């Protein structure tokens, strides 16, 4: 079943390749959406695709890239909209 998730990753997640890591993993999983840094030091992603696949991405984000330190991953499930054509890194 298709779903959409707003994901906020909290911790030491900027300046360590976290957006690139998220982009690579989401693309490998066939998910669509975007990831960006937030002014408060967190990373935010809007992701659409199969709910089970989004759950796989969430598990990967809990670890993150090598030099990151994730303290929490907050997920807000939303209604699928089908608006994305790819997965992008935005600003």
PDB file of N, CA and C in Angstrom:
ATOM      1  N   UNK A   1       0.836  -1.179   0.000  1.00  0.00           N
ATOM      2  CA  UNK A   1       0.000   0.000   0.000  1.00  0.00           C
ATOM      3  C   UNK A   1       0.885   1.248   0.000  1.00  0.00           C
ATOM      4  N   UNK A   2       0.568   2.194  -0.859  1.00  0.00           N
ATOM      5  CA  UNK A   2       1.343   3.424  -0.939  1.00  0.00           C
ATOM      6  C   UNK A   2       1.048   4.330   0.240  1.00  0.00           C
ATOM      7  N   UNK A   3       2.096   5.026   0.679  1.00  0.00           N
ATOM      8  CA  UNK A   3       1.984   5.912   1.829  1.00  0.00           C
ATOM      9  C   UNK A   3       2.931   7.091   1.647  1.00  0.00           C
ATOM     10  N   UNK A   4       2.804   8.037   2.547  1.00  0.00           N
ATOM     11  CA  UNK A   4       3.692   9.199   2.584  1.00  0.00           C
ATOM     12  C   UNK A   4       4.103   9.402   4.026  1.00  0.00           C
ATOM     13  N   UNK A   5       5.361   9.738   4.228  1.00  0.00           N
ATOM     14  CA  UNK A   5       5.858   9.978   5.583  1.00  0.00           C
ATOM     15  C   UNK A   5       6.684  11.251   5.622  1.00  0.00           C
ATOM     16  N   UNK A   6       6.447  12.037   6.659  1.00  0.00           N
ATOM     17  CA  UNK A   6       7.293  13.186   6.974  1.00  0.00           C
ATOM     18  C   UNK A   6       8.221  12.715   8.087  1.00  0.00           C
ATOM     19  N   UNK A   7       9.524  12.720   7.806  1.00  0.00           N
ATOM     20  CA  UNK A   7      10.509  12.144   8.723  1.00  0.00           C
ATOM     21  C   UNK A   7      11.468  13.235   9.195  1.00  0.00           C
ATOM     22  N   UNK A   8      11.601  13.372  10.504  1.00  0.00           N
ATOM     23  CA  UNK A   8      12.569  14.303  11.079  1.00  0.00           C
ATOM     24  C   UNK A   8      13.607  13.492  11.834  1.00  0.00           C
ATOM     25  N   UNK A   9      14.868  13.687  11.463  1.00  0.00           N
ATOM     26  CA  UNK A   9      15.971  12.979  12.111  1.00  0.00           C
ATOM     27  C   UNK A   9      16.691  13.977  13.015  1.00  0.00           C
ATOM     28  N   UNK A  10      16.780  13.624  14.292  1.00  0.00           N
ATOM     29  CA  UNK A  10      17.342  14.508  15.307  1.00  0.00           C
ATOM     30  C   UNK A  10      18.677  13.943  15.780  1.00  0.00           C
ATOM     31  N   UNK A  11      19.637  14.839  15.976  1.00  0.00           N
ATOM     32  CA  UNK A  11      20.943  14.434  16.477  1.00  0.00           C
ATOM     33  C   UNK A  11      22.041  15.177  15.753  1.00  0.00           C
ATOM     34  N   UNK A  12      23.230  14.592  15.747  1.00  0.00           N
ATOM     35  CA  UNK A  12      24.357  15.162  14.996  1.00  0.00           C
ATOM     36  C   UNK A  12      24.241  14.624  13.573  1.00  0.00           C
ATOM     37  N   UNK A  13      23.466  15.338  12.744  1.00  0.00           N
ATOM     38  CA  UNK A  13      23.120  14.822  11.417  1.00  0.00           C
ATOM     39  C   UNK A  13      23.403  15.807  10.280  1.00  0.00           C
ATOM     40  N   UNK A  14      24.022  16.934  10.578  1.00  0.00           N
ATOM     41  CA  UNK A  14      24.411  17.861   9.521  1.00  0.00           C
ATOM     42  C   UNK A  14      25.929  17.925   9.436  1.00  0.00           C
ATOM     43  N   UNK A  15      26.432  18.043   8.212  1.00  0.00           N
ATOM     44  CA  UNK A  15      27.875  18.087   8.008  1.00  0.00           C
ATOM     45  C   UNK A  15      28.534  16.716   8.037  1.00  0.00           C
ATOM     46  N   UNK A  16      27.727  15.659   7.982  1.00  0.00           N
ATOM     47  CA  UNK A  16      28.266  14.294   8.038  1.00  0.00           C
ATOM     48  C   UNK A  16      27.766  13.444   6.858  1.00  0.00           C
ATOM     49  N   UNK A  17      27.187  14.086   5.846  1.00  0.00           N
ATOM     50  CA  UNK A  17      26.711  13.354   4.670  1.00  0.00           C
ATOM     51  C   UNK A  17      25.346  12.708   4.849  1.00  0.00           C
ATOM     52  N   UNK A  18      24.559  13.206   5.793  1.00  0.00           N
ATOM     53  CA  UNK A  18      23.280  12.558   6.072  1.00  0.00           C
ATOM     54  C   UNK A  18      22.289  12.705   4.923  1.00  0.00           C
ATOM     55  N   UNK A  19      22.238  13.879   4.298  1.00  0.00           N
ATOM     56  CA  UNK A  19      21.315  14.050   3.155  1.00  0.00           C
ATOM     57  C   UNK A  19      21.721  13.132   2.005  1.00  0.00           C
ATOM     58  N   UNK A  20      23.016  13.042   1.733  1.00  0.00           N
ATOM     59  CA  UNK A  20      23.487  12.166   0.661  1.00  0.00           C
ATOM     60  C   UNK A  20      23.150  10.711   0.991  1.00  0.00           C
ATOM     61  N   UNK A  21      23.376  10.302   2.239  1.00  0.00           N
ATOM     62  CA  UNK A  21      23.059   8.952   2.693  1.00  0.00           C
ATOM     63  C   UNK A  21      21.570   8.657   2.483  1.00  0.00           C
ATOM     64  N   UNK A  22      20.717   9.599   2.883  1.00  0.00           N
ATOM     65  CA  UNK A  22      19.269   9.431   2.743  1.00  0.00           C
ATOM     66  C   UNK A  22      18.888   9.326   1.269  1.00  0.00           C
ATOM     67  N   UNK A  23      19.460  10.190   0.442  1.00  0.00           N
ATOM     68  CA  UNK A  23      19.185  10.172  -0.999  1.00  0.00           C
ATOM     69  C   UNK A  23      19.568   8.824  -1.605  1.00  0.00           C
ATOM     70  N   UNK A  24      20.757   8.349  -1.274  1.00  0.00           N
ATOM     71  CA  UNK A  24      21.248   7.083  -1.827  1.00  0.00           C
ATOM     72  C   UNK A  24      20.353   5.915  -1.410  1.00  0.00           C
ATOM     73  N   UNK A  25      20.027   5.843  -0.132  1.00  0.00           N
ATOM     74  CA  UNK A  25      19.201   4.730   0.359  1.00  0.00           C
ATOM     75  C   UNK A  25      17.778   4.802  -0.191  1.00  0.00           C
ATOM     76  N   UNK A  26      17.192   5.978  -0.209  1.00  0.00           N
ATOM     77  CA  UNK A  26      15.826   6.129  -0.735  1.00  0.00           C
ATOM     78  C   UNK A  26      15.767   5.760  -2.211  1.00  0.00           C
ATOM     79  N   UNK A  27      16.777   6.193  -2.967  1.00  0.00           N
ATOM     80  CA  UNK A  27      16.819   5.883  -4.394  1.00  0.00           C
ATOM     81  C   UNK A  27      16.980   4.382  -4.614  1.00  0.00           C
ATOM     82  N   UNK A  28      17.855   3.754  -3.837  1.00  0.00           N
ATOM     83  CA  UNK A  28      18.036   2.296  -3.936  1.00  0.00           C
ATOM     84  C   UNK A  28      16.733   1.548  -3.638  1.00  0.00           C
ATOM     85  N   UNK A  29      15.936   2.089  -2.730  1.00  0.00           N
ATOM     86  CA  UNK A  29      14.675   1.452  -2.357  1.00  0.00           C
ATOM     87  C   UNK A  29      13.513   1.808  -3.299  1.00  0.00           C
ATOM     88  N   UNK A  30      13.769   2.728  -4.239  1.00  0.00           N
ATOM     89  CA  UNK A  30      12.731   3.123  -5.187  1.00  0.00           C
ATOM     90  C   UNK A  30      11.721   4.096  -4.625  1.00  0.00           C
ATOM     91  N   UNK A  31      12.115   4.830  -3.574  1.00  0.00           N
ATOM     92  CA  UNK A  31      11.215   5.810  -2.972  1.00  0.00           C
ATOM     93  C   UNK A  31      11.361   7.166  -3.644  1.00  0.00           C
ATOM     94  N   UNK A  32      10.330   7.976  -3.509  1.00  0.00           N
ATOM     95  CA  UNK A  32      10.305   9.306  -4.113  1.00  0.00           C
ATOM     96  C   UNK A  32      10.137  10.354  -3.020  1.00  0.00           C
ATOM     97  N   UNK A  33      10.640  11.580  -3.283  1.00  0.00           N
ATOM     98  CA  UNK A  33      10.475  12.668  -2.332  1.00  0.00           C
ATOM     99  C   UNK A  33      11.693  13.555  -2.277  1.00  0.00           C
ATOM    100  N   UNK A  34      11.997  14.049  -1.070  1.00  0.00           N
ATOM    101  CA  UNK A  34      13.151  14.932  -0.909  1.00  0.00           C
ATOM    102  C   UNK A  34      13.668  14.874   0.521  1.00  0.00           C
ATOM    103  N   UNK A  35      14.891  15.359   0.685  1.00  0.00           N
ATOM    104  CA  UNK A  35      15.513  15.482   1.998  1.00  0.00           C
ATOM    105  C   UNK A  35      16.201  16.837   2.062  1.00  0.00           C
ATOM    106  N   UNK A  36      16.180  17.462   3.246  1.00  0.00           N
ATOM    107  CA  UNK A  36      16.819  18.773   3.403  1.00  0.00           C
ATOM    108  C   UNK A  36      17.278  18.959   4.841  1.00  0.00           C
ATOM    109  N   UNK A  37      18.239  19.870   5.028  1.00  0.00           N
ATOM    110  CA  UNK A  37      18.660  20.279   6.357  1.00  0.00           C
ATOM    111  C   UNK A  37      17.670  21.304   6.893  1.00  0.00           C
ATOM    112  N   UNK A  38      17.426  21.260   8.187  1.00  0.00           N
ATOM    113  CA  UNK A  38      16.612  22.269   8.850  1.00  0.00           C
ATOM    114  C   UNK A  38      17.510  23.242   9.605  1.00  0.00           C
ATOM    115  N   UNK A  39      17.036  24.457   9.817  1.00  0.00           N
ATOM    116  CA  UNK A  39      17.823  25.478  10.509  1.00  0.00           C
ATOM    117  C   UNK A  39      18.183  25.079  11.936  1.00  0.00           C
ATOM    118  N   UNK A  40      17.410  24.190  12.543  1.00  0.00           N
ATOM    119  CA  UNK A  40      17.659  23.792  13.932  1.00  0.00           C
ATOM    120  C   UNK A  40      18.677  22.658  14.062  1.00  0.00           C
ATOM    121  N   UNK A  41      19.281  22.237  12.936  1.00  0.00           N
ATOM    122  CA  UNK A  41      20.309  21.200  12.978  1.00  0.00           C
ATOM    123  C   UNK A  41      19.804  19.804  12.669  1.00  0.00           C
ATOM    124  N   UNK A  42      18.501  19.641  12.514  1.00  0.00           N
ATOM    125  CA  UNK A  42      17.919  18.346  12.172  1.00  0.00           C
ATOM    126  C   UNK A  42      17.861  18.170  10.659  1.00  0.00           C
ATOM    127  N   UNK A  43      17.519  16.969  10.232  1.00  0.00           N
ATOM    128  CA  UNK A  43      17.308  16.671   8.813  1.00  0.00           C
ATOM    129  C   UNK A  43      15.851  16.253   8.647  1.00  0.00           C
ATOM    130  N   UNK A  44      15.231  16.738   7.565  1.00  0.00           N
ATOM    131  CA  UNK A  44      13.816  16.477   7.308  1.00  0.00           C
ATOM    132  C   UNK A  44      13.660  15.840   5.934  1.00  0.00           C
ATOM    133  N   UNK A  45      12.801  14.835   5.842  1.00  0.00           N
ATOM    134  CA  UNK A  45      12.514  14.198   4.552  1.00  0.00           C
ATOM    135  C   UNK A  45      11.013  13.985   4.399  1.00  0.00           C
ATOM    136  N   UNK A  46      10.524  14.191   3.192  1.00  0.00           N
ATOM    137  CA  UNK A  46       9.160  13.803   2.797  1.00  0.00           C
ATOM    138  C   UNK A  46       9.360  12.657   1.815  1.00  0.00           C
ATOM    139  N   UNK A  47       8.738  11.523   2.108  1.00  0.00           N
ATOM    140  CA  UNK A  47       8.976  10.319   1.320  1.00  0.00           C
ATOM    141  C   UNK A  47       7.655   9.677   0.932  1.00  0.00           C
ATOM    142  N   UNK A  48       7.563   9.232  -0.322  1.00  0.00           N
ATOM    143  CA  UNK A  48       6.396   8.486  -0.778  1.00  0.00           C
ATOM    144  C   UNK A  48       6.820   7.166  -1.391  1.00  0.00           C
ATOM    145  N   UNK A  49       5.967   6.169  -1.220  1.00  0.00           N
ATOM    146  CA  UNK A  49       6.214   4.853  -1.783  1.00  0.00           C
ATOM    147  C   UNK A  49       5.458   3.803  -0.988  1.00  0.00           C
ATOM    148  N   UNK A  50       5.870   2.570  -1.155  1.00  0.00           N
ATOM    149  CA  UNK A  50       5.274   1.465  -0.411  1.00  0.00           C
ATOM    150  C   UNK A  50       5.571   1.632   1.078  1.00  0.00           C
ATOM    151  N   UNK A  51       4.570   1.481   1.922  1.00  0.00           N
ATOM    152  CA  UNK A  51       4.759   1.711   3.363  1.00  0.00           C
ATOM    153  C   UNK A  51       5.845   0.819   3.954  1.00  0.00           C
ATOM    154  N   UNK A  52       5.885  -0.440   3.565  1.00  0.00           N
ATOM    155  CA  UNK A  52       6.919  -1.341   4.087  1.00  0.00           C
ATOM    156  C   UNK A  52       8.311  -0.882   3.672  1.00  0.00           C
ATOM    157  N   UNK A  53       8.425  -0.335   2.467  1.00  0.00           N
ATOM    158  CA  UNK A  53       9.715   0.165   1.979  1.00  0.00           C
ATOM    159  C   UNK A  53      10.115   1.428   2.732  1.00  0.00           C
ATOM    160  N   UNK A  54       9.145   2.293   3.017  1.00  0.00           N
ATOM    161  CA  UNK A  54       9.432   3.484   3.819  1.00  0.00           C
ATOM    162  C   UNK A  54       9.909   3.060   5.208  1.00  0.00           C
ATOM    163  N   UNK A  55       9.288   2.034   5.767  1.00  0.00           N
ATOM    164  CA  UNK A  55       9.742   1.509   7.067  1.00  0.00           C
ATOM    165  C   UNK A  55      11.197   1.048   6.996  1.00  0.00           C
ATOM    166  N   UNK A  56      11.596   0.455   5.873  1.00  0.00           N
ATOM    167  CA  UNK A  56      12.993   0.029   5.697  1.00  0.00           C
ATOM    168  C   UNK A  56      13.917   1.242   5.720  1.00  0.00           C
ATOM    169  N   UNK A  57      13.518   2.319   5.034  1.00  0.00           N
ATOM    170  CA  UNK A  57      14.326   3.537   5.028  1.00  0.00           C
ATOM    171  C   UNK A  57      14.438   4.105   6.436  1.00  0.00           C
ATOM    172  N   UNK A  58      13.337   4.130   7.162  1.00  0.00           N
ATOM    173  CA  UNK A  58      13.351   4.658   8.528  1.00  0.00           C
ATOM    174  C   UNK A  58      14.356   3.890   9.387  1.00  0.00           C
ATOM    175  N   UNK A  59      14.390   2.577   9.259  1.00  0.00           N
ATOM    176  CA  UNK A  59      15.356   1.774  10.016  1.00  0.00           C
ATOM    177  C   UNK A  59      16.790   2.153   9.648  1.00  0.00           C
ATOM    178  N   UNK A  60      17.047   2.402   8.366  1.00  0.00           N
ATOM    179  CA  UNK A  60      18.391   2.808   7.930  1.00  0.00           C
ATOM    180  C   UNK A  60      18.753   4.187   8.493  1.00  0.00           C
ATOM    181  N   UNK A  61      17.764   5.084   8.548  1.00  0.00           N
ATOM    182  CA  UNK A  61      18.022   6.436   9.045  1.00  0.00           C
ATOM    183  C   UNK A  61      18.317   6.446  10.539  1.00  0.00           C
ATOM    184  N   UNK A  62      17.852   5.457  11.252  1.00  0.00           N
ATOM    185  CA  UNK A  62      18.131   5.376  12.694  1.00  0.00           C
ATOM    186  C   UNK A  62      19.622   5.184  12.970  1.00  0.00           C
ATOM    187  N   UNK A  63      20.337   4.608  12.011  1.00  0.00           N
ATOM    188  CA  UNK A  63      21.786   4.446  12.127  1.00  0.00           C
ATOM    189  C   UNK A  63      22.515   5.581  11.433  1.00  0.00           C
ATOM    190  N   UNK A  64      22.079   5.906  10.210  1.00  0.00           N
ATOM    191  CA  UNK A  64      22.702   6.993   9.458  1.00  0.00           C
ATOM    192  C   UNK A  64      24.089   6.651   8.971  1.00  0.00           C
ATOM    193  N   UNK A  65      24.749   7.636   8.354  1.00  0.00           N
ATOM    194  CA  UNK A  65      26.112   7.418   7.877  1.00  0.00           C
ATOM    195  C   UNK A  65      27.101   7.345   9.041  1.00  0.00           C
ATOM    196  N   UNK A  66      28.291   6.966   8.732  1.00  0.00           N
ATOM    197  CA  UNK A  66      29.333   6.622   9.708  1.00  0.00           C
ATOM    198  C   UNK A  66      29.540   7.661  10.816  1.00  0.00           C
ATOM    199  N   UNK A  67      29.629   8.934  10.483  1.00  0.00           N
ATOM    200  CA  UNK A  67      29.993   9.939  11.481  1.00  0.00           C
ATOM    201  C   UNK A  67      28.793  10.646  12.104  1.00  0.00           C
ATOM    202  N   UNK A  68      27.601  10.213  11.747  1.00  0.00           N
ATOM    203  CA  UNK A  68      26.406  10.819  12.346  1.00  0.00           C
ATOM    204  C   UNK A  68      26.124  10.186  13.700  1.00  0.00           C
ATOM    205  N   UNK A  69      25.299  10.875  14.472  1.00  0.00           N
ATOM    206  CA  UNK A  69      24.846  10.340  15.763  1.00  0.00           C
ATOM    207  C   UNK A  69      23.363  10.681  15.890  1.00  0.00           C
ATOM    208  N   UNK A  70      22.515   9.724  15.572  1.00  0.00           N
ATOM    209  CA  UNK A  70      21.070   9.934  15.580  1.00  0.00           C
ATOM    210  C   UNK A  70      20.539   9.700  16.991  1.00  0.00           C
ATOM    211  N   UNK A  71      19.833  10.686  17.517  1.00  0.00           N
ATOM    212  CA  UNK A  71      19.235  10.510  18.841  1.00  0.00           C
ATOM    213  C   UNK A  71      17.747  10.169  18.748  1.00  0.00           C
ATOM    214  N   UNK A  72      17.084  10.546  17.640  1.00  0.00           N
ATOM    215  CA  UNK A  72      15.663  10.217  17.484  1.00  0.00           C
ATOM    216  C   UNK A  72      15.256  10.360  16.016  1.00  0.00           C
ATOM    217  N   UNK A  73      14.277   9.578  15.626  1.00  0.00           N
ATOM    218  CA  UNK A  73      13.666   9.690  14.299  1.00  0.00           C
ATOM    219  C   UNK A  73      12.162   9.786  14.523  1.00  0.00           C
ATOM    220  N   UNK A  74      11.603  10.925  14.159  1.00  0.00           N
ATOM    221  CA  UNK A  74      10.167  11.142  14.315  1.00  0.00           C
ATOM    222  C   UNK A  74       9.496  10.969  12.958  1.00  0.00           C
ATOM    223  N   UNK A  75       8.395  10.221  12.926  1.00  0.00           N
ATOM    224  CA  UNK A  75       7.691   9.933  11.679  1.00  0.00           C
ATOM    225  C   UNK A  75       6.236  10.350  11.814  1.00  0.00           C
ATOM    226  N   UNK A  76       5.781  11.119  10.841  1.00  0.00           N
ATOM    227  CA  UNK A  76       4.381  11.519  10.766  1.00  0.00           C
ATOM    228  C   UNK A  76       3.822  10.938   9.468  1.00  0.00           C
ATOM    229  N   UNK A  77       2.977   9.925   9.581  1.00  0.00           N
ATOM    230  CA  UNK A  77       2.397   9.291   8.397  1.00  0.00           C
ATOM    231  C   UNK A  77       1.305  10.176   7.821  1.00  0.00           C
ATOM    232  N   UNK A  78       1.297  10.298   6.488  1.00  0.00           N
ATOM    233  CA  UNK A  78       0.336  11.152   5.791  1.00  0.00           C
ATOM    234  C   UNK A  78      -0.318  10.370   4.660  1.00  0.00           C
ATOM    235  N   UNK A  79      -1.293  10.990   4.051  1.00  0.00           N
ATOM    236  CA  UNK A  79      -1.968  10.379   2.907  1.00  0.00           C
ATOM    237  C   UNK A  79      -1.090  10.485   1.660  1.00  0.00           C
ATOM    238  N   UNK A  80      -0.972   9.407   0.917  1.00  0.00           N
ATOM    239  CA  UNK A  80      -0.199   9.376  -0.326  1.00  0.00           C
ATOM    240  C   UNK A  80      -0.769  10.405  -1.312  1.00  0.00           C
ATOM    241  N   UNK A  81       0.117  11.185  -1.941  1.00  0.00           N
ATOM    242  CA  UNK A  81      -0.322  12.201  -2.899  1.00  0.00           C
ATOM    243  C   UNK A  81       0.202  11.967  -4.305  1.00  0.00           C
ATOM    244  N   UNK A  82       1.267  11.204  -4.452  1.00  0.00           N
ATOM    245  CA  UNK A  82       1.824  10.913  -5.774  1.00  0.00           C
ATOM    246  C   UNK A  82       2.395  12.111  -6.486  1.00  0.00           C
ATOM    247  N   UNK A  83       2.967  13.050  -5.750  1.00  0.00           N
ATOM    248  CA  UNK A  83       3.436  14.292  -6.367  1.00  0.00           C
ATOM    249  C   UNK A  83       4.906  14.289  -6.784  1.00  0.00           C
ATOM    250  N   UNK A  84       5.688  13.307  -6.336  1.00  0.00           N
ATOM    251  CA  UNK A  84       7.122  13.314  -6.614  1.00  0.00           C
ATOM    252  C   UNK A  84       7.465  12.446  -7.819  1.00  0.00           C
ATOM    253  N   UNK A  85       8.477  12.896  -8.584  1.00  0.00           N
ATOM    254  CA  UNK A  85       8.936  12.142  -9.755  1.00  0.00           C
ATOM    255  C   UNK A  85      10.282  11.477  -9.502  1.00  0.00           C
ATOM    256  N   UNK A  86      10.969  11.903  -8.443  1.00  0.00           N
ATOM    257  CA  UNK A  86      12.292  11.368  -8.111  1.00  0.00           C
ATOM    258  C   UNK A  86      12.542  11.640  -6.631  1.00  0.00           C
ATOM    259  N   UNK A  87      13.763  11.348  -6.185  1.00  0.00           N
ATOM    260  CA  UNK A  87      14.156  11.692  -4.821  1.00  0.00           C
ATOM    261  C   UNK A  87      15.282  12.699  -4.913  1.00  0.00           C
ATOM    262  N   UNK A  88      15.102  13.859  -4.293  1.00  0.00           N
ATOM    263  CA  UNK A  88      16.050  14.968  -4.436  1.00  0.00           C
ATOM    264  C   UNK A  88      16.595  15.430  -3.093  1.00  0.00           C
ATOM    265  N   UNK A  89      17.762  16.050  -3.146  1.00  0.00           N
ATOM    266  CA  UNK A  89      18.319  16.777  -2.014  1.00  0.00           C
ATOM    267  C   UNK A  89      17.983  18.244  -2.260  1.00  0.00           C
ATOM    268  N   UNK A  90      17.279  18.866  -1.321  1.00  0.00           N
ATOM    269  CA  UNK A  90      16.906  20.286  -1.485  1.00  0.00           C
ATOM    270  C   UNK A  90      17.528  21.109  -0.381  1.00  0.00           C
ATOM    271  N   UNK A  91      17.328  22.408  -0.489  1.00  0.00           N
ATOM    272  CA  UNK A  91      17.906  23.346   0.504  1.00  0.00           C
ATOM    273  C   UNK A  91      16.806  24.107   1.198  1.00  0.00           C
TER     274      UNK A  91
END
